[in-house]
Amino acid sequence: MRNTLFGAALIVTLLVGALGLPQHASARTGNMLEMMDQMTGTLDAQSPEMTYTVELYAGRMFSLQAWPTSGDLQVDVVVSDPVGARIAQSEVLDQASGLSAAEGMIAEQNGTYSVTVRRVGETAGNFSLIVLPGYGSLEVWDQFDGTGELALTWCDCGEPNLYQMGIVDGQYLIEILEPNAIWSMRPQEYLYWEDHYVEASIQFGSTPPRAFGFYVRITEGDEGGLAGYFVYFNRSGEWGIRYAPSEGEMVEISPRQASPAIDVSDPNPRIGVLVEGYTFTVFFNGQVVGQATDTEQQLPIGELGLFAVSKDELPVQVYFDNLVITTPLAPASASEGDGPVSLTGILDETGVEENADVPFGIGQKMERDMMPAEERPLSFDAAGLFE
């Protein structure tokens, strides 16, 4: 677990224009924060600080960013827990833009947390504030509407009597047309992730899946084939994690088990997983459902996929939406003469940091290798699995 603040020299490419809105953020006023919503306000002599609140469950990791948008304003942010104890204070990450951030805070208890934005000295002007799930660097924000600097490229493809996948009404559909099968889809961008947090909203068709979730750290094995971890949920209120080697049978990292945090009556839940080292913390609607560690430490890095599992009744339809991926900010030492470092933790297929000479930023859209669409779907036999 992390509760550390980081600093680095950043180019803020999350922001549209000099310091405008993120592509999908909706600026609003009021004092109640939601993940991924952007708040705006004004600080001056009459109002030197503004306090917002955010409801969090114990175990939830979150980060925040605040930046001035007018005047000579400089901002500082303090985060307090439900009993008023300070748990974090932001650091300035970029002097030119005034971006200030706090990363990797862990909610130690359920309740209402306070986020206070303060002006520094006698400065004054407008500001924006956003709270991120997981880590402090926003890398992917995909609403599957074909827009957004941080959206990915997804295959619109299928095979008769096997599967159909593609964007439908602003969601990504995985439809399985064969029984007892796992179908997974990776974006066409060839992106490898180390530590990261990923979450997405889920909806179901008339036939529920046997299981659904994220296929993380997908990596080509030494003997060919792909290995990865299936982090899954089912419609019976259970979750689990399985390691799928490039050859051989799947291995349980965490057995299938029930959690009271999984609400099977929710028609549009939000699922997430924090991948930190070889430990996986699994979330359902912002609540921790469980945690497990791969003691064999088999895959340190890999791609991300979305997946669903069919039963006998067909077709199975699972819709994914509002996909968010955050990664750790660079350590403070990066701004102390060491030169640019990898912010995203994304490596290319050779395991070498890609675009290492590009000044790192928050949500920076870098050029990536694109894979042919027909190579991105993956399928497995699901007989006897996830049940």
Protein backbone atom coordinates (compact mmCIF):
# COMPACT_ATOMS: atom_id res chain seq x y z
CA MET A 1 0.00 0.00 0.00
CA ARG A 2 1.09 3.57 -0.70
CA ASN A 3 0.53 6.84 1.10
CA THR A 4 3.34 8.83 -0.46
CA LEU A 5 3.50 12.16 -2.25
CA PHE A 6 5.54 12.55 -5.41
CA GLY A 7 6.89 15.51 -7.32
CA ALA A 8 8.16 15.83 -10.88
CA ALA A 9 8.47 18.36 -13.68
CA LEU A 10 5.37 17.74 -15.78
CA ILE A 11 3.92 18.78 -19.08
CA VAL A 12 0.21 18.76 -18.43
CA THR A 13 -1.24 17.18 -21.54
CA LEU A 14 -4.28 15.93 -19.65
CA LEU A 15 -5.52 19.49 -19.97
CA VAL A 16 -7.07 20.77 -23.16
CA GLY A 17 -5.47 24.01 -24.27
CA ALA A 18 -3.10 25.66 -21.85
CA LEU A 19 -5.04 24.62 -18.78
CA GLY A 20 -8.56 23.68 -19.86
CA LEU A 21 -10.82 20.74 -19.31
CA PRO A 22 -9.78 17.13 -19.74
CA GLN A 23 -11.54 15.74 -22.78
CA HIS A 24 -14.27 13.91 -20.87
CA ALA A 25 -14.36 15.96 -17.66
CA SER A 26 -17.50 17.89 -16.78
CA ALA A 27 -16.67 21.04 -14.85
CA ARG A 28 -19.18 21.80 -12.10
CA THR A 29 -19.50 23.67 -8.87
CA GLY A 30 -20.73 22.54 -5.44
CA ASN A 31 -18.86 20.75 -2.69
CA MET A 32 -19.45 17.04 -3.35
CA LEU A 33 -16.65 15.33 -5.29
CA GLU A 34 -17.05 12.26 -7.49
CA MET A 35 -14.22 10.32 -9.11
CA MET A 36 -13.24 11.77 -12.50
CA ASP A 37 -15.47 14.87 -12.19
CA GLN A 38 -13.71 18.21 -12.38
CA MET A 39 -14.57 20.95 -9.88
CA THR A 40 -13.94 24.64 -10.46
CA GLY A 41 -13.76 27.55 -8.06
CA THR A 42 -12.27 30.94 -7.23
CA LEU A 43 -9.80 31.80 -4.46
CA ASP A 44 -9.11 35.38 -3.38
CA ALA A 45 -8.99 37.57 -0.27
CA GLN A 46 -12.71 36.99 0.41
CA SER A 47 -12.50 33.24 -0.16
CA PRO A 48 -8.93 32.09 0.55
CA GLU A 49 -9.91 28.39 0.59
CA MET A 50 -12.65 26.02 -0.52
CA THR A 51 -13.47 22.63 1.00
CA TYR A 52 -15.01 19.70 -0.85
CA THR A 53 -16.06 16.25 0.35
CA VAL A 54 -15.73 12.79 -1.17
CA GLU A 55 -17.32 9.56 0.10
CA LEU A 56 -14.87 6.66 0.24
CA TYR A 57 -14.85 3.06 1.39
CA ALA A 58 -11.97 1.71 3.48
CA GLY A 59 -9.12 0.46 1.33
CA ARG A 60 -9.85 2.75 -1.60
CA MET A 61 -6.73 4.31 -3.19
CA PHE A 62 -7.21 7.78 -4.65
CA SER A 63 -5.16 10.70 -5.94
CA LEU A 64 -5.88 14.31 -6.84
CA GLN A 65 -4.69 17.17 -9.02
CA ALA A 66 -5.38 20.90 -8.71
CA TRP A 67 -4.20 23.72 -10.97
CA PRO A 68 -4.84 27.47 -11.46
CA THR A 69 -6.73 28.60 -14.55
CA SER A 70 -6.54 32.39 -14.20
CA GLY A 71 -4.78 35.26 -12.38
CA ASP A 72 -1.58 34.69 -10.46
CA LEU A 73 -3.13 31.97 -8.31
CA GLN A 74 -1.00 29.23 -6.76
CA VAL A 75 -2.81 26.40 -5.02
CA ASP A 76 -2.16 24.00 -2.17
CA VAL A 77 -4.44 21.07 -1.26
CA VAL A 78 -4.93 19.36 2.12
CA VAL A 79 -6.80 16.04 2.51
CA SER A 80 -8.39 15.06 5.83
CA ASP A 81 -10.04 11.85 7.00
CA PRO A 82 -13.59 11.53 8.45
CA VAL A 83 -12.43 12.58 11.93
CA GLY A 84 -10.56 15.62 10.64
CA ALA A 85 -6.98 14.25 10.79
CA ARG A 86 -4.76 15.39 7.93
CA ILE A 87 -3.63 12.48 5.77
CA ALA A 88 -1.92 14.26 2.89
CA GLN A 89 -0.86 17.59 1.45
CA SER A 90 -0.20 18.24 -2.22
CA GLU A 91 3.14 19.09 -3.80
CA VAL A 92 3.73 21.36 -6.79
CA LEU A 93 4.68 19.17 -9.74
CA ASP A 94 5.07 21.84 -12.42
CA GLN A 95 6.04 25.41 -11.65
CA ALA A 96 5.05 26.72 -15.09
CA SER A 97 1.44 25.52 -14.93
CA GLY A 98 1.10 25.53 -11.14
CA LEU A 99 -0.09 21.92 -11.13
CA SER A 100 -0.22 20.49 -7.60
CA ALA A 101 -0.95 16.85 -6.81
CA ALA A 102 -1.20 14.23 -4.08
CA GLU A 103 -0.94 10.56 -5.00
CA GLY A 104 -1.66 7.15 -3.58
CA MET A 105 -3.73 8.07 -0.54
CA ILE A 106 -5.49 5.11 1.12
CA ALA A 107 -8.84 5.52 2.85
CA GLU A 108 -8.35 3.85 6.21
CA GLN A 109 -12.06 3.87 7.08
CA ASN A 110 -15.45 4.31 5.47
CA GLY A 111 -16.73 7.86 5.53
CA THR A 112 -16.59 11.43 4.29
CA TYR A 113 -13.13 12.77 3.43
CA SER A 114 -12.40 16.49 3.08
CA VAL A 115 -10.34 18.09 0.30
CA THR A 116 -9.43 21.73 0.98
CA VAL A 117 -7.97 23.86 -1.81
CA ARG A 118 -6.07 26.89 -0.48
CA ARG A 119 -4.46 29.86 -2.15
CA VAL A 120 -0.75 30.37 -1.51
CA GLY A 121 0.11 33.76 -0.08
CA GLU A 122 -1.82 36.68 -1.58
CA THR A 123 -2.34 35.05 -4.98
CA ALA A 124 -5.82 34.99 -6.50
CA GLY A 125 -7.71 33.47 -9.43
CA ASN A 126 -9.72 30.48 -10.63
CA PHE A 127 -8.72 26.83 -10.24
CA SER A 128 -9.74 23.31 -11.26
CA LEU A 129 -9.64 20.14 -9.16
CA ILE A 130 -10.04 16.48 -10.11
CA VAL A 131 -9.94 13.29 -8.01
CA LEU A 132 -8.58 10.15 -9.70
CA PRO A 133 -9.17 6.52 -8.74
CA GLY A 134 -5.93 4.73 -7.90
CA TYR A 135 -2.68 6.42 -8.94
CA GLY A 136 -1.92 10.03 -9.89
CA SER A 137 -1.22 9.78 -13.63
CA LEU A 138 -4.27 9.42 -15.87
CA GLU A 139 -3.23 7.28 -18.86
CA VAL A 140 -6.48 5.99 -20.36
CA TRP A 141 -10.00 7.46 -20.22
CA ASP A 142 -12.17 5.72 -22.79
CA GLN A 143 -15.92 6.28 -23.02
CA PHE A 144 -16.12 4.29 -26.28
CA ASP A 145 -17.61 7.20 -28.18
CA GLY A 146 -14.77 7.59 -30.67
CA THR A 147 -13.41 10.77 -29.11
CA GLY A 148 -10.90 11.80 -26.48
CA GLU A 149 -7.14 12.14 -26.39
CA LEU A 150 -6.91 9.26 -23.93
CA ALA A 151 -9.22 6.83 -25.74
CA LEU A 152 -7.88 3.60 -27.21
CA THR A 153 -8.53 1.80 -30.50
CA TRP A 154 -10.72 -1.29 -30.36
CA CYS A 155 -11.50 -3.99 -32.88
CA ASP A 156 -14.94 -4.10 -34.50
CA CYS A 157 -14.80 -7.74 -35.54
CA GLY A 158 -16.35 -11.16 -35.23
CA GLU A 159 -16.61 -14.73 -36.46
CA PRO A 160 -19.89 -16.51 -37.22
CA ASN A 161 -21.14 -18.69 -34.35
CA LEU A 162 -18.14 -17.71 -32.17
CA TYR A 163 -18.13 -14.05 -31.14
CA GLN A 164 -18.93 -10.46 -32.08
CA MET A 165 -17.13 -7.46 -30.57
CA GLY A 166 -17.31 -3.74 -31.20
CA ILE A 167 -18.55 -0.35 -30.01
CA VAL A 168 -22.34 -0.24 -29.65
CA ASP A 169 -24.14 2.89 -28.39
CA GLY A 170 -21.08 4.23 -26.58
CA GLN A 171 -20.10 0.94 -24.94
CA TYR A 172 -17.76 -1.88 -25.92
CA LEU A 173 -19.67 -5.11 -26.47
CA ILE A 174 -18.26 -8.60 -26.06
CA GLU A 175 -20.88 -11.01 -27.40
CA ILE A 176 -20.15 -14.74 -27.18
CA LEU A 177 -22.01 -17.08 -29.53
CA GLU A 178 -20.50 -20.41 -28.45
CA PRO A 179 -21.00 -22.23 -25.11
CA ASN A 180 -18.36 -22.57 -22.39
CA ALA A 181 -15.88 -20.16 -23.93
CA ILE A 182 -13.74 -17.27 -22.76
CA TRP A 183 -13.36 -14.37 -25.19
CA SER A 184 -11.07 -11.46 -24.41
CA MET A 185 -10.25 -8.28 -26.33
CA ARG A 186 -7.12 -6.12 -26.13
CA PRO A 187 -6.88 -2.62 -27.59
CA GLN A 188 -4.94 -2.32 -30.82
CA GLU A 189 -2.34 -0.12 -29.12
CA TYR A 190 0.52 -2.32 -27.95
CA LEU A 191 0.65 -1.13 -24.32
CA TYR A 192 2.42 -2.89 -21.46
CA TRP A 193 1.58 -1.95 -17.87
CA GLU A 194 3.54 -2.48 -14.67
CA ASP A 195 1.81 -1.11 -11.53
CA HIS A 196 -1.56 0.35 -12.47
CA TYR A 197 -5.18 0.75 -11.48
CA VAL A 198 -7.96 -0.10 -13.95
CA GLU A 199 -11.73 0.19 -13.63
CA ALA A 200 -14.76 0.09 -15.91
CA SER A 201 -18.56 0.10 -15.77
CA ILE A 202 -20.38 -3.10 -16.75
CA GLN A 203 -23.81 -3.88 -18.19
CA PHE A 204 -25.30 -7.21 -19.22
CA GLY A 205 -27.56 -8.51 -21.94
CA SER A 206 -30.55 -10.77 -21.28
CA THR A 207 -28.31 -13.82 -20.77
CA PRO A 208 -25.85 -13.31 -17.90
CA PRO A 209 -22.23 -14.41 -18.33
CA ARG A 210 -20.60 -17.10 -16.28
CA ALA A 211 -17.88 -14.58 -15.45
CA PHE A 212 -16.48 -11.24 -16.59
CA GLY A 213 -13.63 -8.90 -15.70
CA PHE A 214 -10.08 -7.90 -16.64
CA TYR A 215 -7.32 -10.00 -18.17
CA VAL A 216 -4.16 -8.26 -16.90
CA ARG A 217 -0.42 -8.46 -17.57
CA ILE A 218 -0.90 -10.43 -20.78
CA THR A 219 2.59 -11.45 -21.91
CA GLU A 220 4.01 -13.79 -24.52
CA GLY A 221 5.58 -16.84 -22.92
CA ASP A 222 9.02 -18.30 -23.59
CA GLU A 223 7.51 -21.13 -25.61
CA GLY A 224 5.07 -18.93 -27.48
CA GLY A 225 1.46 -18.42 -26.55
CA LEU A 226 0.20 -15.85 -24.05
CA ALA A 227 0.14 -15.80 -20.26
CA GLY A 228 -1.85 -13.49 -17.99
CA TYR A 229 -4.04 -13.09 -14.92
CA PHE A 230 -7.85 -13.33 -15.08
CA VAL A 231 -9.39 -11.09 -12.40
CA TYR A 232 -13.03 -12.10 -12.51
CA PHE A 233 -16.51 -11.66 -11.04
CA ASN A 234 -19.67 -13.69 -11.55
CA ARG A 235 -23.38 -13.01 -11.20
CA SER A 236 -23.51 -15.06 -7.99
CA GLY A 237 -21.63 -12.41 -5.99
CA GLU A 238 -18.22 -14.10 -6.20
CA TRP A 239 -14.76 -13.08 -7.36
CA GLY A 240 -11.40 -14.76 -7.93
CA ILE A 241 -8.06 -14.59 -9.74
CA ARG A 242 -6.55 -17.22 -12.02
CA TYR A 243 -3.13 -17.28 -13.62
CA ALA A 244 -3.24 -18.59 -17.18
CA PRO A 245 0.23 -19.79 -18.28
CA SER A 246 1.24 -19.83 -21.92
CA GLU A 247 1.07 -23.62 -21.70
CA GLY A 248 -0.77 -25.88 -19.28
CA GLU A 249 -3.70 -25.51 -16.90
CA MET A 250 -4.83 -22.34 -15.16
CA VAL A 251 -3.68 -21.88 -11.56
CA GLU A 252 -5.71 -20.26 -8.79
CA ILE A 253 -4.11 -17.15 -7.27
CA SER A 254 -7.27 -16.53 -5.27
CA PRO A 255 -10.07 -19.13 -5.17
CA ARG A 256 -13.58 -18.18 -6.19
CA GLN A 257 -15.26 -16.71 -3.12
CA ALA A 258 -18.24 -14.60 -2.14
CA SER A 259 -18.02 -11.01 -0.91
CA PRO A 260 -20.81 -8.94 0.68
CA ALA A 261 -19.45 -5.96 -1.29
CA ILE A 262 -20.62 -7.51 -4.58
CA ASP A 263 -24.20 -6.40 -5.24
CA VAL A 264 -25.63 -8.83 -7.80
CA SER A 265 -28.78 -6.68 -8.14
CA ASP A 266 -26.79 -3.74 -9.54
CA PRO A 267 -27.47 -3.62 -13.30
CA ASN A 268 -24.50 -1.29 -13.97
CA PRO A 269 -21.69 -1.98 -11.47
CA ARG A 270 -18.20 -0.53 -11.61
CA ILE A 271 -15.38 -3.03 -11.20
CA GLY A 272 -11.70 -2.30 -10.60
CA VAL A 273 -8.35 -3.84 -9.76
CA LEU A 274 -5.21 -2.27 -8.30
CA VAL A 275 -2.11 -4.11 -9.55
CA GLU A 276 0.83 -3.28 -7.30
CA GLY A 277 3.88 -5.48 -7.64
CA TYR A 278 2.40 -8.98 -7.58
CA THR A 279 -0.53 -8.04 -5.34
CA PHE A 280 -4.03 -7.58 -6.73
CA THR A 281 -6.65 -5.60 -4.80
CA VAL A 282 -10.10 -6.08 -6.30
CA PHE A 283 -12.96 -3.55 -6.10
CA PHE A 284 -16.70 -3.54 -6.74
CA ASN A 285 -18.38 -0.13 -6.79
CA GLY A 286 -15.42 1.34 -4.92
CA GLN A 287 -15.41 -1.27 -2.15
CA VAL A 288 -12.62 -3.77 -1.59
CA VAL A 289 -13.88 -7.29 -2.18
CA GLY A 290 -10.53 -8.95 -1.57
CA GLN A 291 -6.79 -9.05 -2.13
CA ALA A 292 -4.39 -11.75 -3.30
CA THR A 293 -0.69 -12.04 -4.12
CA ASP A 294 1.03 -14.17 -6.73
CA THR A 295 3.75 -15.63 -4.51
CA GLU A 296 5.43 -17.15 -7.57
CA GLN A 297 5.84 -13.63 -9.05
CA GLN A 298 5.20 -14.88 -12.56
CA LEU A 299 4.36 -11.77 -14.61
CA PRO A 300 5.77 -8.31 -13.70
CA ILE A 301 4.32 -6.52 -16.72
CA GLY A 302 1.89 -7.00 -19.60
CA GLU A 303 -1.06 -5.86 -21.66
CA LEU A 304 -4.66 -5.35 -20.56
CA GLY A 305 -7.74 -7.11 -21.90
CA LEU A 306 -11.48 -7.12 -21.22
CA PHE A 307 -13.15 -10.52 -21.09
CA ALA A 308 -16.38 -12.46 -20.65
CA VAL A 309 -17.19 -16.16 -20.18
CA SER A 310 -20.24 -17.93 -21.61
CA LYS A 311 -22.41 -20.71 -20.25
CA ASP A 312 -24.70 -23.04 -22.19
CA GLU A 313 -27.40 -20.42 -22.72
CA LEU A 314 -26.55 -18.04 -25.55
CA PRO A 315 -25.82 -15.39 -26.63
CA VAL A 316 -23.88 -13.85 -23.74
CA GLN A 317 -23.47 -10.07 -23.95
CA VAL A 318 -21.27 -7.95 -21.67
CA TYR A 319 -20.87 -4.20 -22.23
CA PHE A 320 -17.85 -2.25 -20.93
CA ASP A 321 -17.85 1.53 -20.52
CA ASN A 322 -15.90 4.40 -18.94
CA LEU A 323 -12.58 2.56 -18.91
CA VAL A 324 -10.01 4.36 -16.74
CA ILE A 325 -6.35 3.43 -16.20
CA THR A 326 -4.06 5.32 -13.82
CA THR A 327 -0.37 4.71 -13.15
CA PRO A 328 2.16 6.03 -10.62
CA LEU A 329 3.65 9.47 -11.01
CA ALA A 330 7.42 9.65 -11.40
CA PRO A 331 9.45 9.88 -8.17
CA ALA A 332 10.59 13.30 -7.02
CA SER A 333 14.21 12.50 -7.92
CA ALA A 334 13.22 12.71 -11.60
CA SER A 335 13.19 16.51 -11.38
CA GLU A 336 16.61 16.74 -9.79
CA GLY A 337 18.83 16.61 -12.85
CA ASP A 338 18.42 12.96 -13.77
CA GLY A 339 16.61 13.84 -16.99
CA PRO A 340 13.21 12.60 -18.16
CA VAL A 341 12.07 9.18 -16.97
CA SER A 342 9.15 6.92 -17.84
CA LEU A 343 6.03 8.20 -16.13
CA THR A 344 3.53 5.68 -17.39
CA GLY A 345 5.31 2.44 -16.65
CA ILE A 346 4.41 1.36 -20.19
CA LEU A 347 7.07 -0.61 -22.00
CA ASP A 348 7.25 -1.72 -25.59
CA GLU A 349 7.41 -5.37 -26.62
CA THR A 350 11.17 -5.53 -26.07
CA GLY A 351 10.83 -4.51 -22.43
CA VAL A 352 12.58 -1.19 -23.08
CA GLU A 353 11.00 2.02 -21.89
CA GLU A 354 9.35 3.61 -24.89
CA ASN A 355 9.62 7.34 -25.69
CA ALA A 356 11.93 7.82 -22.72
CA ASP A 357 13.13 11.11 -24.19
CA VAL A 358 9.63 12.58 -24.28
CA PRO A 359 8.93 14.99 -21.40
CA PHE A 360 6.52 13.09 -19.23
CA GLY A 361 3.07 14.39 -18.41
CA ILE A 362 -0.27 13.51 -16.96
CA GLY A 363 -2.42 11.69 -19.43
CA GLN A 364 0.12 12.20 -22.18
CA LYS A 365 -0.95 10.59 -25.43
CA MET A 366 2.20 9.04 -26.91
CA GLU A 367 2.60 7.33 -30.26
CA ARG A 368 2.37 3.57 -29.78
CA ASP A 369 2.80 0.55 -31.99
CA MET A 370 -0.57 -0.56 -33.36
CA MET A 371 -1.37 -4.23 -33.76
CA PRO A 372 -3.63 -5.61 -36.52
CA ALA A 373 -7.23 -5.80 -35.34
CA GLU A 374 -7.54 -9.50 -36.16
CA GLU A 375 -4.70 -10.32 -33.74
CA ARG A 376 -6.34 -8.75 -30.68
CA PRO A 377 -9.19 -11.17 -29.79
CA LEU A 378 -8.22 -14.10 -27.57
CA SER A 379 -10.23 -17.25 -26.83
CA PHE A 380 -9.98 -20.09 -24.29
CA ASP A 381 -11.95 -23.20 -23.39
CA ALA A 382 -13.91 -22.37 -20.22
CA ALA A 383 -15.11 -25.91 -19.42
CA GLY A 384 -14.96 -26.35 -15.64
CA LEU A 385 -13.56 -22.86 -15.02
CA PHE A 386 -14.99 -19.96 -13.01
CA GLU A 387 -17.69 -22.14 -11.43
